[in-house]
Protein backbone atom coordinates (compact mmCIF):
# COMPACT_ATOMS: atom_id res chain seq x y z
CA MET A 1 -16.52 -38.70 15.86
CA SER A 2 -14.75 -38.14 18.98
CA ASP A 3 -14.44 -35.03 20.76
CA ASP A 4 -10.40 -35.22 20.49
CA THR A 5 -11.07 -34.28 16.74
CA ARG A 6 -13.70 -31.50 17.34
CA ALA A 7 -11.87 -29.31 19.64
CA PRO A 8 -8.24 -28.66 21.09
CA GLN A 9 -7.53 -30.18 24.24
CA PRO A 10 -6.17 -27.85 27.42
CA SER A 11 -2.66 -27.11 27.81
CA SER A 12 -0.72 -27.63 30.98
CA GLY A 13 0.08 -23.99 30.81
CA PRO A 14 -0.74 -21.98 33.95
CA ASP A 15 -4.21 -20.70 32.06
CA GLY A 16 -5.41 -24.25 31.15
CA GLY A 17 -6.97 -23.04 28.09
CA ALA A 18 -5.69 -24.15 24.16
CA ASP A 19 -2.28 -23.81 23.50
CA ALA A 20 -2.18 -21.15 20.55
CA ALA A 21 -1.07 -23.94 18.11
CA ASP A 22 -3.94 -25.64 18.79
CA SER A 23 -6.09 -22.95 17.27
CA VAL A 24 -8.47 -24.20 14.40
CA GLY A 25 -7.54 -22.04 11.36
CA GLY A 26 -3.72 -21.58 11.86
CA ALA A 27 -3.90 -18.36 13.38
CA VAL A 28 -0.76 -16.90 13.67
CA HIS A 29 0.35 -15.13 17.11
CA GLN A 30 2.90 -12.16 16.79
CA ASP A 31 4.45 -13.50 20.14
CA ARG A 32 5.41 -16.63 18.51
CA LYS A 33 6.39 -15.69 14.84
CA LEU A 34 10.02 -16.15 13.89
CA SER A 35 11.10 -14.53 10.91
CA HIS A 36 12.66 -16.48 8.15
CA PRO A 37 15.88 -14.91 6.11
CA ASP A 38 13.65 -15.30 2.63
CA GLU A 39 10.50 -13.92 4.27
CA GLN A 40 9.06 -10.82 3.09
CA SER A 41 8.08 -8.53 5.77
CA GLU A 42 8.05 -5.02 4.29
CA PRO A 43 6.06 -3.90 1.49
CA ALA A 44 7.42 -4.91 -2.33
CA MET A 45 6.58 -1.15 -3.59
CA ASP A 46 9.35 0.70 -2.10
CA MET A 47 12.50 -1.60 -3.03
CA HIS A 48 13.16 0.60 -5.68
CA ALA A 49 14.58 4.22 -5.38
CA THR A 50 12.29 6.38 -8.04
CA ASP A 51 13.50 9.92 -9.11
CA ASP A 52 11.41 12.80 -9.01
CA THR A 53 11.80 12.83 -13.21
CA ALA A 54 9.75 9.55 -13.01
CA ARG A 55 7.20 9.98 -9.79
CA ILE A 56 6.36 13.68 -12.22
CA GLN A 57 5.84 11.42 -15.23
CA GLY A 58 3.79 8.79 -13.69
CA VAL A 59 1.37 10.99 -12.05
CA VAL A 60 1.18 13.08 -15.27
CA VAL A 61 0.31 9.67 -17.12
CA GLN A 62 -2.38 8.48 -14.34
CA THR A 63 -3.77 11.58 -14.53
CA ARG A 64 -4.21 12.23 -18.27
CA ALA A 65 -6.09 8.63 -17.98
CA ASP A 66 -8.25 9.94 -15.11
CA VAL A 67 -9.19 13.31 -16.16
CA GLY A 68 -7.43 14.26 -19.37
CA ASP A 69 -11.03 15.02 -21.11
CA LYS A 70 -11.55 17.73 -18.18
CA SER A 71 -10.79 21.29 -18.33
CA GLU A 72 -7.18 22.67 -17.57
CA GLU A 73 -7.99 24.04 -14.00
CA ARG A 74 -9.54 20.50 -13.08
CA ILE A 75 -6.56 19.03 -14.66
CA ALA A 76 -4.26 21.67 -12.33
CA ASP A 77 -6.05 20.86 -9.25
CA VAL A 78 -5.72 17.08 -9.64
CA LEU A 79 -1.74 17.53 -10.30
CA ARG A 80 -1.55 19.80 -7.50
CA GLN A 81 -3.43 17.31 -5.01
CA ARG A 82 -1.47 14.15 -6.12
CA PHE A 83 1.96 15.96 -6.26
CA LEU A 84 1.07 17.20 -2.72
CA ASP A 85 0.18 13.60 -1.46
CA ILE A 86 3.71 12.11 -2.75
CA GLY A 87 5.76 15.19 -1.01
CA LEU A 88 6.65 17.08 -4.48
CA ASP A 89 6.24 20.81 -4.75
CA LEU A 90 6.64 21.68 -7.95
CA GLY A 91 5.51 25.15 -7.92
CA ASP A 92 2.11 26.77 -9.83
CA ASP A 93 3.92 27.72 -13.10
CA ARG A 94 5.03 23.89 -13.14
CA ILE A 95 1.76 22.32 -12.53
CA ARG A 96 -0.17 24.90 -15.38
CA ALA A 97 2.47 23.93 -17.64
CA LEU A 98 2.09 20.05 -17.20
CA ALA A 99 -2.01 21.06 -16.74
CA ALA A 100 -1.77 22.14 -20.31
CA GLU A 101 0.41 19.32 -21.66
CA VAL A 102 -2.28 16.69 -20.34
CA ALA A 103 -4.89 18.68 -21.79
CA GLY A 104 -3.29 19.12 -25.24
CA SER A 105 -2.91 15.50 -25.52
């Protein structure tokens, strides 16, 4: 095996090092990356708008699966934290009603 197949050759650039395109493993450098029209460059999760009703229902379903067998107080604490995490302020009465719904199912 010759040395040509083992290591990239020095470039004629000012630093004399191997060119980024010659890197083993095909690493992509930000300064060389070109975007393409069909390339996904943003998270896919935020593609569809969700209304508050659907978000609330999703939190309730997930909370039921995670802590549905716990006390209403524990369920309310989890709901409160999850709604805070997604930026919804439902108020204590609504959270307690949802906790009772989760506990009763």
